[in-house]
Amino acid sequence: MNIQLGFEIAYKFPRPTPMILNLNIHYSRAPDLLRPDHLLTHPAVSTTAYRDLFGNWCTRLVAPAGRFVLSTNALIRDSGLPDSIAPSASQTAVERLPESTLVYLLGSRYCETDLLSDFAWQRFGSGPSGWARVQAVCDFVHQHIEFGYQHARRTRSALEAFKEGKGVCRDYAHLAIALCRCLNIPARYCTGYLGDVGTAPPFGPMDFAGWFEAFLGDRWYTFDARNNVPRIGRVLIAQGRDASDVALSCTFGPDQLDGFKVWCDEVQ
C-alpha cells in the first residue's frame, strides 16, 4: 500500500524570525519513502538540519518578514497492516528495564505523574499487568475524555485533561502516558500522520495525530487512547517525553498562523 502525505502551513511574521521545525518523517521510516519529504519554503530560505536528543530530524531556519509557507508532499510504502496487538506482552520490572527507557518513567511538562499516582494505583493497581494494564488505561482514557477540536488548548496537561474530561488526541495521549508511568510502565509521546485508511465515513478534518508507545517485554508497542482500535497507515514523525519535545514548529518571536492543511491518503 502506498500513502501520499504532506502539509502546507502558512505563517505571517512581522520581522525575520528564527524557527525550529520537527516536520520530517522519522528516520525509522526512511527506507519506506518512495518520494522523499523534502521541506519546501516559500519564499526560499537557507535551512540546516540536525538530530535532537531523541533522534528526531529537526530543521533550523530564519523565516523572513511577511507571509511564509512551509510544505512537503511525500510518498511512502506501508505494509497495510494494523497496529500490532500482543496480549501476552509482559511488564518489565523497573530494575530490569533498559537504561534508554528510564527517562520515560519520569514526570514531564505535560505528564504530572506525582499528581496522578494515587489515582493510577487505586484504579489499575489491583488489575492485570503488562499489555492488559496498558489497554485498561487506554479504555479508561478513551471513555473519560470527550473529543472535540473546539476543546483544543495547547497548554492543557494530563492532569487538566483528567479534571476537565475533554480534549484532542494529544490530551488522550498525555493522560494515558502519565498513568502508565505512574504504574512503572515506560511510555513516550508520538506525533505523525494518521489518515482514514480502513475506517468508515464520515471522515473528520485531517490533522497531525498524537498517540503513544509503551515499553513491554523487550520492545515498544503502539497504543492510541483516542481511537482505541488498531489503525492502518500510521506514519511516525517524532517521539519524545511529551508534546513539548516534539512540537511541529517553534517560533522565536511573534507570528500568526495564516493557513494549515494536512493530507494522508492511500494512492495507487
C-alpha atoms as a PDB file:
ATOM      1  CA  MET A   1       0.000   0.000   0.000  1.00  0.00           C
ATOM      2  CA  ASN A   2       1.251   3.471  -0.886  1.00  0.00           C
ATOM      3  CA  ILE A   3       0.312   6.618   1.016  1.00  0.00           C
ATOM      4  CA  GLN A   4       0.670  10.181  -0.213  1.00  0.00           C
ATOM      5  CA  LEU A   5       1.167  12.561   2.682  1.00  0.00           C
ATOM      6  CA  GLY A   6       2.244  16.082   3.346  1.00  0.00           C
ATOM      7  CA  PHE A   7       1.234  19.514   4.526  1.00  0.00           C
ATOM      8  CA  GLU A   8       1.103  23.201   3.708  1.00  0.00           C
ATOM      9  CA  ILE A   9       1.444  25.554   6.668  1.00  0.00           C
ATOM     10  CA  ALA A  10       1.493  29.328   6.260  1.00  0.00           C
ATOM     11  CA  TYR A  11       2.591  31.973   8.761  1.00  0.00           C
ATOM     12  CA  LYS A  12       2.756  35.746   8.835  1.00  0.00           C
ATOM     13  CA  PHE A  13       5.757  37.300  10.561  1.00  0.00           C
ATOM     14  CA  PRO A  14       6.216  40.988  11.442  1.00  0.00           C
ATOM     15  CA  ARG A  15      10.002  40.606  11.280  1.00  0.00           C
ATOM     16  CA  PRO A  16      12.624  37.963  10.428  1.00  0.00           C
ATOM     17  CA  THR A  17      12.081  35.149  12.952  1.00  0.00           C
ATOM     18  CA  PRO A  18      14.156  32.046  13.805  1.00  0.00           C
ATOM     19  CA  MET A  19      12.271  28.735  13.728  1.00  0.00           C
ATOM     20  CA  ILE A  20      12.914  25.123  14.742  1.00  0.00           C
ATOM     21  CA  LEU A  21      10.781  22.581  12.871  1.00  0.00           C
ATOM     22  CA  ASN A  22      10.019  18.947  13.624  1.00  0.00           C
ATOM     23  CA  LEU A  23       8.173  18.054  10.431  1.00  0.00           C
ATOM     24  CA  ASN A  24      10.216  15.339   8.738  1.00  0.00           C
ATOM     25  CA  ILE A  25       9.187  11.694   8.772  1.00  0.00           C
ATOM     26  CA  HIS A  26      11.040   9.686  11.425  1.00  0.00           C
ATOM     27  CA  TYR A  27      14.316   8.112  10.310  1.00  0.00           C
ATOM     28  CA  SER A  28      12.918   4.640  11.088  1.00  0.00           C
ATOM     29  CA  ARG A  29      10.557   5.038   8.114  1.00  0.00           C
ATOM     30  CA  ALA A  30      13.189   6.428   5.731  1.00  0.00           C
ATOM     31  CA  PRO A  31      13.597   3.086   3.860  1.00  0.00           C
ATOM     32  CA  ASP A  32       9.870   3.165   3.051  1.00  0.00           C
ATOM     33  CA  LEU A  33       9.923   6.560   1.331  1.00  0.00           C
ATOM     34  CA  LEU A  34       9.222   6.343  -2.411  1.00  0.00           C
ATOM     35  CA  ARG A  35       9.283  10.125  -2.755  1.00  0.00           C
ATOM     36  CA  PRO A  36      11.222  11.976  -0.047  1.00  0.00           C
ATOM     37  CA  ASP A  37       9.584  14.512   2.232  1.00  0.00           C
ATOM     38  CA  HIS A  38      11.877  17.417   1.321  1.00  0.00           C
ATOM     39  CA  LEU A  39      10.838  20.559   3.167  1.00  0.00           C
ATOM     40  CA  LEU A  40       9.991  23.388   0.782  1.00  0.00           C
ATOM     41  CA  THR A  41       9.774  27.035   1.807  1.00  0.00           C
ATOM     42  CA  HIS A  42       8.244  29.989   0.021  1.00  0.00           C
ATOM     43  CA  PRO A  43       9.999  32.282  -0.236  1.00  0.00           C
ATOM     44  CA  ALA A  44      13.089  30.073  -0.342  1.00  0.00           C
ATOM     45  CA  VAL A  45      15.423  30.371   2.652  1.00  0.00           C
ATOM     46  CA  SER A  46      18.554  28.597   3.815  1.00  0.00           C
ATOM     47  CA  THR A  47      17.963  25.644   6.182  1.00  0.00           C
ATOM     48  CA  THR A  48      20.137  23.413   8.337  1.00  0.00           C
ATOM     49  CA  ALA A  49      19.213  20.027   9.798  1.00  0.00           C
ATOM     50  CA  TYR A  50      20.167  18.168  12.959  1.00  0.00           C
ATOM     51  CA  ARG A  51      19.009  15.320  15.198  1.00  0.00           C
ATOM     52  CA  ASP A  52      17.658  16.183  18.624  1.00  0.00           C
ATOM     53  CA  LEU A  53      18.241  14.240  21.868  1.00  0.00           C
ATOM     54  CA  PHE A  54      15.519  11.737  20.896  1.00  0.00           C
ATOM     55  CA  GLY A  55      16.858  11.092  17.400  1.00  0.00           C
ATOM     56  CA  ASN A  56      14.195  13.149  15.600  1.00  0.00           C
ATOM     57  CA  TRP A  57      15.123  15.055  12.437  1.00  0.00           C
ATOM     58  CA  CYS A  58      14.825  18.815  13.016  1.00  0.00           C
ATOM     59  CA  THR A  59      15.250  21.839  10.765  1.00  0.00           C
ATOM     60  CA  ARG A  60      16.508  25.318  11.620  1.00  0.00           C
ATOM     61  CA  LEU A  61      15.800  28.402   9.546  1.00  0.00           C
ATOM     62  CA  VAL A  62      15.045  32.108   9.776  1.00  0.00           C
ATOM     63  CA  ALA A  63      11.657  32.989   8.331  1.00  0.00           C
ATOM     64  CA  PRO A  64      11.520  36.343   6.529  1.00  0.00           C
ATOM     65  CA  ALA A  65       9.057  39.071   7.392  1.00  0.00           C
ATOM     66  CA  GLY A  66       5.684  38.690   5.675  1.00  0.00           C
ATOM     67  CA  ARG A  67       3.878  35.541   4.584  1.00  0.00           C
ATOM     68  CA  PHE A  68       5.971  32.377   4.810  1.00  0.00           C
ATOM     69  CA  VAL A  69       4.845  28.918   3.644  1.00  0.00           C
ATOM     70  CA  LEU A  70       6.221  25.503   4.619  1.00  0.00           C
ATOM     71  CA  SER A  71       5.227  22.440   2.591  1.00  0.00           C
ATOM     72  CA  THR A  72       6.094  18.911   1.566  1.00  0.00           C
ATOM     73  CA  ASN A  73       4.437  16.155  -0.462  1.00  0.00           C
ATOM     74  CA  ALA A  74       5.876  12.683   0.074  1.00  0.00           C
ATOM     75  CA  LEU A  75       5.001   9.143  -0.970  1.00  0.00           C
ATOM     76  CA  ILE A  76       5.606   6.252   1.406  1.00  0.00           C
ATOM     77  CA  ARG A  77       5.202   2.491   1.202  1.00  0.00           C
ATOM     78  CA  ASP A  78       3.209   0.960   4.046  1.00  0.00           C
ATOM     79  CA  SER A  79       2.552  -2.660   4.962  1.00  0.00           C
ATOM     80  CA  GLY A  80      -1.191  -2.028   5.140  1.00  0.00           C
ATOM     81  CA  LEU A  81      -1.275  -3.921   8.426  1.00  0.00           C
ATOM     82  CA  PRO A  82      -2.966  -2.520  11.521  1.00  0.00           C
ATOM     83  CA  ASP A  83      -1.094  -1.688  14.722  1.00  0.00           C
ATOM     84  CA  SER A  84       0.344  -4.766  16.432  1.00  0.00           C
ATOM     85  CA  ILE A  85      -1.569  -6.445  19.254  1.00  0.00           C
ATOM     86  CA  ALA A  86       0.402  -8.554  21.756  1.00  0.00           C
ATOM     87  CA  PRO A  87      -1.810  -9.585  24.692  1.00  0.00           C
ATOM     88  CA  SER A  88       0.968 -11.741  26.111  1.00  0.00           C
ATOM     89  CA  ALA A  89       3.455  -8.853  26.320  1.00  0.00           C
ATOM     90  CA  SER A  90       4.541  -8.632  29.942  1.00  0.00           C
ATOM     91  CA  GLN A  91       5.516  -5.715  32.130  1.00  0.00           C
ATOM     92  CA  THR A  92       9.255  -5.484  32.789  1.00  0.00           C
ATOM     93  CA  ALA A  93      10.348  -4.816  36.362  1.00  0.00           C
ATOM     94  CA  VAL A  94      11.901  -1.381  36.768  1.00  0.00           C
ATOM     95  CA  GLU A  95      15.264  -2.818  37.844  1.00  0.00           C
ATOM     96  CA  ARG A  96      15.472  -4.777  34.562  1.00  0.00           C
ATOM     97  CA  LEU A  97      14.409  -2.007  32.202  1.00  0.00           C
ATOM     98  CA  PRO A  98      16.989  -0.806  29.640  1.00  0.00           C
ATOM     99  CA  GLU A  99      18.560   2.498  30.661  1.00  0.00           C
ATOM    100  CA  SER A 100      17.240   4.138  27.491  1.00  0.00           C
ATOM    101  CA  THR A 101      13.656   3.668  28.700  1.00  0.00           C
ATOM    102  CA  LEU A 102      14.065   5.115  32.197  1.00  0.00           C
ATOM    103  CA  VAL A 103      13.507   8.736  31.173  1.00  0.00           C
ATOM    104  CA  TYR A 104      10.029   7.668  30.039  1.00  0.00           C
ATOM    105  CA  LEU A 105       9.125   6.682  33.606  1.00  0.00           C
ATOM    106  CA  LEU A 106       9.583  10.230  34.888  1.00  0.00           C
ATOM    107  CA  GLY A 107       7.154  13.112  35.046  1.00  0.00           C
ATOM    108  CA  SER A 108       7.424  15.745  32.314  1.00  0.00           C
ATOM    109  CA  ARG A 109       5.941  19.082  31.259  1.00  0.00           C
ATOM    110  CA  TYR A 110       2.508  17.715  30.293  1.00  0.00           C
ATOM    111  CA  CYS A 111       2.516  14.459  32.283  1.00  0.00           C
ATOM    112  CA  GLU A 112       2.305  15.090  36.039  1.00  0.00           C
ATOM    113  CA  THR A 113       2.976  11.633  37.447  1.00  0.00           C
ATOM    114  CA  ASP A 114       3.277  12.942  41.012  1.00  0.00           C
ATOM    115  CA  LEU A 115      -0.283  14.295  40.928  1.00  0.00           C
ATOM    116  CA  LEU A 116      -1.865  11.268  39.233  1.00  0.00           C
ATOM    117  CA  SER A 117      -0.047   8.437  41.003  1.00  0.00           C
ATOM    118  CA  ASP A 118      -2.607   7.836  43.755  1.00  0.00           C
ATOM    119  CA  PHE A 119      -5.468   7.623  41.262  1.00  0.00           C
ATOM    120  CA  ALA A 120      -3.473   5.345  38.931  1.00  0.00           C
ATOM    121  CA  TRP A 121      -2.741   2.782  41.627  1.00  0.00           C
ATOM    122  CA  GLN A 122      -6.241   2.928  43.065  1.00  0.00           C
ATOM    123  CA  ARG A 123      -7.825   2.410  39.651  1.00  0.00           C
ATOM    124  CA  PHE A 124      -5.394  -0.012  37.969  1.00  0.00           C
ATOM    125  CA  GLY A 125      -3.065  -1.328  40.684  1.00  0.00           C
ATOM    126  CA  SER A 126      -5.111  -4.426  41.558  1.00  0.00           C
ATOM    127  CA  GLY A 127      -5.854  -5.384  37.968  1.00  0.00           C
ATOM    128  CA  PRO A 128      -3.749  -7.304  35.433  1.00  0.00           C
ATOM    129  CA  SER A 129      -0.275  -6.133  34.455  1.00  0.00           C
ATOM    130  CA  GLY A 130       1.505  -5.900  31.125  1.00  0.00           C
ATOM    131  CA  TRP A 131      -0.489  -5.443  27.936  1.00  0.00           C
ATOM    132  CA  ALA A 132      -3.836  -5.750  29.704  1.00  0.00           C
ATOM    133  CA  ARG A 133      -2.915  -2.952  32.115  1.00  0.00           C
ATOM    134  CA  VAL A 134      -1.964  -0.555  29.317  1.00  0.00           C
ATOM    135  CA  GLN A 135      -5.157  -1.465  27.473  1.00  0.00           C
ATOM    136  CA  ALA A 136      -7.169  -0.824  30.642  1.00  0.00           C
ATOM    137  CA  VAL A 137      -5.571   2.633  30.823  1.00  0.00           C
ATOM    138  CA  CYS A 138      -6.498   3.275  27.171  1.00  0.00           C
ATOM    139  CA  ASP A 139     -10.067   2.099  27.753  1.00  0.00           C
ATOM    140  CA  PHE A 140     -10.426   4.459  30.708  1.00  0.00           C
ATOM    141  CA  VAL A 141      -8.924   7.471  28.920  1.00  0.00           C
ATOM    142  CA  HIS A 142     -10.950   6.788  25.770  1.00  0.00           C
ATOM    143  CA  GLN A 143     -14.203   6.923  27.742  1.00  0.00           C
ATOM    144  CA  HIS A 144     -13.173   9.640  30.210  1.00  0.00           C
ATOM    145  CA  ILE A 145     -12.247  12.327  27.660  1.00  0.00           C
ATOM    146  CA  GLU A 146     -14.753  13.848  25.251  1.00  0.00           C
ATOM    147  CA  PHE A 147     -13.092  14.517  21.892  1.00  0.00           C
ATOM    148  CA  GLY A 148     -13.649  17.809  20.074  1.00  0.00           C
ATOM    149  CA  TYR A 149     -11.451  20.154  18.053  1.00  0.00           C
ATOM    150  CA  GLN A 150     -13.195  23.009  19.869  1.00  0.00           C
ATOM    151  CA  HIS A 151     -11.620  21.644  23.061  1.00  0.00           C
ATOM    152  CA  ALA A 152      -8.044  22.072  21.767  1.00  0.00           C
ATOM    153  CA  ARG A 153      -5.746  24.002  24.098  1.00  0.00           C
ATOM    154  CA  ARG A 154      -2.007  23.698  23.647  1.00  0.00           C
ATOM    155  CA  THR A 155      -1.264  24.325  27.325  1.00  0.00           C
ATOM    156  CA  ARG A 156      -3.552  21.563  28.683  1.00  0.00           C
ATOM    157  CA  SER A 157      -1.708  18.970  30.778  1.00  0.00           C
ATOM    158  CA  ALA A 158      -2.619  15.371  31.602  1.00  0.00           C
ATOM    159  CA  LEU A 159      -3.987  16.393  34.988  1.00  0.00           C
ATOM    160  CA  GLU A 160      -6.109  19.140  33.434  1.00  0.00           C
ATOM    161  CA  ALA A 161      -7.440  16.708  30.806  1.00  0.00           C
ATOM    162  CA  PHE A 162      -8.293  14.311  33.638  1.00  0.00           C
ATOM    163  CA  LYS A 163     -10.163  17.006  35.561  1.00  0.00           C
ATOM    164  CA  GLU A 164     -11.859  18.630  32.553  1.00  0.00           C
ATOM    165  CA  GLY A 165     -12.764  15.411  30.729  1.00  0.00           C
ATOM    166  CA  LYS A 166     -12.296  16.901  27.284  1.00  0.00           C
ATOM    167  CA  GLY A 167      -9.565  17.418  24.718  1.00  0.00           C
ATOM    168  CA  VAL A 168      -7.997  16.310  21.460  1.00  0.00           C
ATOM    169  CA  CYS A 169      -5.666  13.434  20.565  1.00  0.00           C
ATOM    170  CA  ARG A 170      -2.649  14.882  22.368  1.00  0.00           C
ATOM    171  CA  ASP A 171      -4.659  15.107  25.597  1.00  0.00           C
ATOM    172  CA  TYR A 172      -5.667  11.439  25.336  1.00  0.00           C
ATOM    173  CA  ALA A 173      -2.009  10.539  24.814  1.00  0.00           C
ATOM    174  CA  HIS A 174      -0.733  12.700  27.670  1.00  0.00           C
ATOM    175  CA  LEU A 175      -3.187  11.279  30.194  1.00  0.00           C
ATOM    176  CA  ALA A 176      -2.515   7.677  29.128  1.00  0.00           C
ATOM    177  CA  ILE A 177       1.253   8.280  29.235  1.00  0.00           C
ATOM    178  CA  ALA A 178       1.092   9.786  32.713  1.00  0.00           C
ATOM    179  CA  LEU A 179      -0.997   6.895  34.056  1.00  0.00           C
ATOM    180  CA  CYS A 180       1.307   4.290  32.522  1.00  0.00           C
ATOM    181  CA  ARG A 181       4.366   5.958  34.039  1.00  0.00           C
ATOM    182  CA  CYS A 182       2.655   6.029  37.426  1.00  0.00           C
ATOM    183  CA  LEU A 183       2.260   2.252  37.042  1.00  0.00           C
ATOM    184  CA  ASN A 184       6.005   1.801  36.271  1.00  0.00           C
ATOM    185  CA  ILE A 185       5.455   1.302  32.532  1.00  0.00           C
ATOM    186  CA  PRO A 186       7.710   3.471  30.312  1.00  0.00           C
ATOM    187  CA  ALA A 187       5.591   5.496  27.888  1.00  0.00           C
ATOM    188  CA  ARG A 188       6.542   8.065  25.268  1.00  0.00           C
ATOM    189  CA  TYR A 189       4.624  10.554  23.150  1.00  0.00           C
ATOM    190  CA  CYS A 190       4.452  10.174  19.356  1.00  0.00           C
ATOM    191  CA  THR A 191       3.309  12.545  16.652  1.00  0.00           C
ATOM    192  CA  GLY A 192       2.794  11.839  12.978  1.00  0.00           C
ATOM    193  CA  TYR A 193       0.333  11.218  10.178  1.00  0.00           C
ATOM    194  CA  LEU A 194      -2.762   9.045  10.529  1.00  0.00           C
ATOM    195  CA  GLY A 195      -5.237   9.006   7.648  1.00  0.00           C
ATOM    196  CA  ASP A 196      -8.622   7.357   7.324  1.00  0.00           C
ATOM    197  CA  VAL A 197      -7.441   4.082   5.746  1.00  0.00           C
ATOM    198  CA  GLY A 198      -9.627   1.228   6.918  1.00  0.00           C
ATOM    199  CA  THR A 199     -12.201   3.416   8.670  1.00  0.00           C
ATOM    200  CA  ALA A 200     -15.799   4.131   7.723  1.00  0.00           C
ATOM    201  CA  PRO A 201     -17.067   7.578   6.721  1.00  0.00           C
ATOM    202  CA  PRO A 202     -17.858  10.266   7.580  1.00  0.00           C
ATOM    203  CA  PHE A 203     -14.244  11.370   7.868  1.00  0.00           C
ATOM    204  CA  GLY A 204     -13.180  14.234  10.096  1.00  0.00           C
ATOM    205  CA  PRO A 205     -10.842  17.080   9.095  1.00  0.00           C
ATOM    206  CA  MET A 206      -7.261  15.937   8.552  1.00  0.00           C
ATOM    207  CA  ASP A 207      -4.625  16.992  11.066  1.00  0.00           C
ATOM    208  CA  PHE A 208      -1.415  15.668  12.517  1.00  0.00           C
ATOM    209  CA  ALA A 209      -2.099  12.946  15.086  1.00  0.00           C
ATOM    210  CA  GLY A 210      -0.822  12.201  18.577  1.00  0.00           C
ATOM    211  CA  TRP A 211      -0.536   8.724  20.123  1.00  0.00           C
ATOM    212  CA  PHE A 212       1.885   6.939  22.461  1.00  0.00           C
ATOM    213  CA  GLU A 213       4.126   3.925  22.802  1.00  0.00           C
ATOM    214  CA  ALA A 214       4.532   1.734  25.900  1.00  0.00           C
ATOM    215  CA  PHE A 215       7.548  -0.441  26.621  1.00  0.00           C
ATOM    216  CA  LEU A 216       6.503  -4.036  27.383  1.00  0.00           C
ATOM    217  CA  GLY A 217       8.690  -7.125  27.387  1.00  0.00           C
ATOM    218  CA  ASP A 218      11.683  -6.011  25.343  1.00  0.00           C
ATOM    219  CA  ARG A 219      10.174  -3.562  22.845  1.00  0.00           C
ATOM    220  CA  TRP A 220       7.917  -0.572  22.275  1.00  0.00           C
ATOM    221  CA  TYR A 221       4.275  -1.042  21.247  1.00  0.00           C
ATOM    222  CA  THR A 222       1.889   1.490  19.722  1.00  0.00           C
ATOM    223  CA  PHE A 223      -1.233   2.492  21.664  1.00  0.00           C
ATOM    224  CA  ASP A 224      -3.867   5.055  20.722  1.00  0.00           C
ATOM    225  CA  ALA A 225      -6.229   6.059  23.515  1.00  0.00           C
ATOM    226  CA  ARG A 226      -8.071   8.475  21.216  1.00  0.00           C
ATOM    227  CA  ASN A 227      -9.193   5.864  18.654  1.00  0.00           C
ATOM    228  CA  ASN A 228      -8.640   2.821  20.897  1.00  0.00           C
ATOM    229  CA  VAL A 229      -8.602   0.405  17.963  1.00  0.00           C
ATOM    230  CA  PRO A 230      -5.658  -0.761  15.800  1.00  0.00           C
ATOM    231  CA  ARG A 231      -5.270   1.578  12.832  1.00  0.00           C
ATOM    232  CA  ILE A 232      -3.695   1.212   9.385  1.00  0.00           C
ATOM    233  CA  GLY A 233      -1.219   3.604   7.798  1.00  0.00           C
ATOM    234  CA  ARG A 234       0.275   5.282  10.859  1.00  0.00           C
ATOM    235  CA  VAL A 235       3.425   7.244   9.879  1.00  0.00           C
ATOM    236  CA  LEU A 236       5.679   8.469  12.681  1.00  0.00           C
ATOM    237  CA  ILE A 237       7.285  11.899  12.643  1.00  0.00           C
ATOM    238  CA  ALA A 238       8.797  12.231  16.116  1.00  0.00           C
ATOM    239  CA  GLN A 239       8.967  10.763  19.631  1.00  0.00           C
ATOM    240  CA  GLY A 240       9.640  12.375  22.997  1.00  0.00           C
ATOM    241  CA  ARG A 241       8.619  12.625  26.632  1.00  0.00           C
ATOM    242  CA  ASP A 242       5.509  14.606  25.707  1.00  0.00           C
ATOM    243  CA  ALA A 243       4.301  17.148  23.147  1.00  0.00           C
ATOM    244  CA  SER A 244       6.833  19.746  24.325  1.00  0.00           C
ATOM    245  CA  ASP A 245       9.647  17.568  22.923  1.00  0.00           C
ATOM    246  CA  VAL A 246       8.048  17.100  19.503  1.00  0.00           C
ATOM    247  CA  ALA A 247       6.489  20.482  18.742  1.00  0.00           C
ATOM    248  CA  LEU A 248       5.980  20.661  14.973  1.00  0.00           C
ATOM    249  CA  SER A 249       7.252  24.237  14.961  1.00  0.00           C
ATOM    250  CA  CYS A 250       8.825  26.581  17.477  1.00  0.00           C
ATOM    251  CA  THR A 251       8.980  30.261  16.564  1.00  0.00           C
ATOM    252  CA  PHE A 252      11.260  32.629  18.443  1.00  0.00           C
ATOM    253  CA  GLY A 253       9.171  35.752  18.002  1.00  0.00           C
ATOM    254  CA  PRO A 254       5.572  36.794  17.297  1.00  0.00           C
ATOM    255  CA  ASP A 255       3.744  35.035  14.466  1.00  0.00           C
ATOM    256  CA  GLN A 256       0.265  34.486  13.064  1.00  0.00           C
ATOM    257  CA  LEU A 257      -0.921  31.201  11.579  1.00  0.00           C
ATOM    258  CA  ASP A 258      -2.304  32.029   8.129  1.00  0.00           C
ATOM    259  CA  GLY A 259      -3.082  28.596   6.672  1.00  0.00           C
ATOM    260  CA  PHE A 260      -2.963  24.931   7.680  1.00  0.00           C
ATOM    261  CA  LYS A 261      -3.572  21.846   5.532  1.00  0.00           C
ATOM    262  CA  VAL A 262      -2.504  18.230   6.067  1.00  0.00           C
ATOM    263  CA  TRP A 263      -3.140  15.185   3.864  1.00  0.00           C
ATOM    264  CA  CYS A 264      -2.542  11.439   4.248  1.00  0.00           C
ATOM    265  CA  ASP A 265      -4.295   9.367   1.574  1.00  0.00           C
ATOM    266  CA  GLU A 266      -3.916   5.908   0.107  1.00  0.00           C
ATOM    267  CA  VAL A 267      -2.977   6.050  -3.582  1.00  0.00           C
ATOM    268  CA  GLN A 268      -2.433   3.501  -6.332  1.00  0.00           C
END
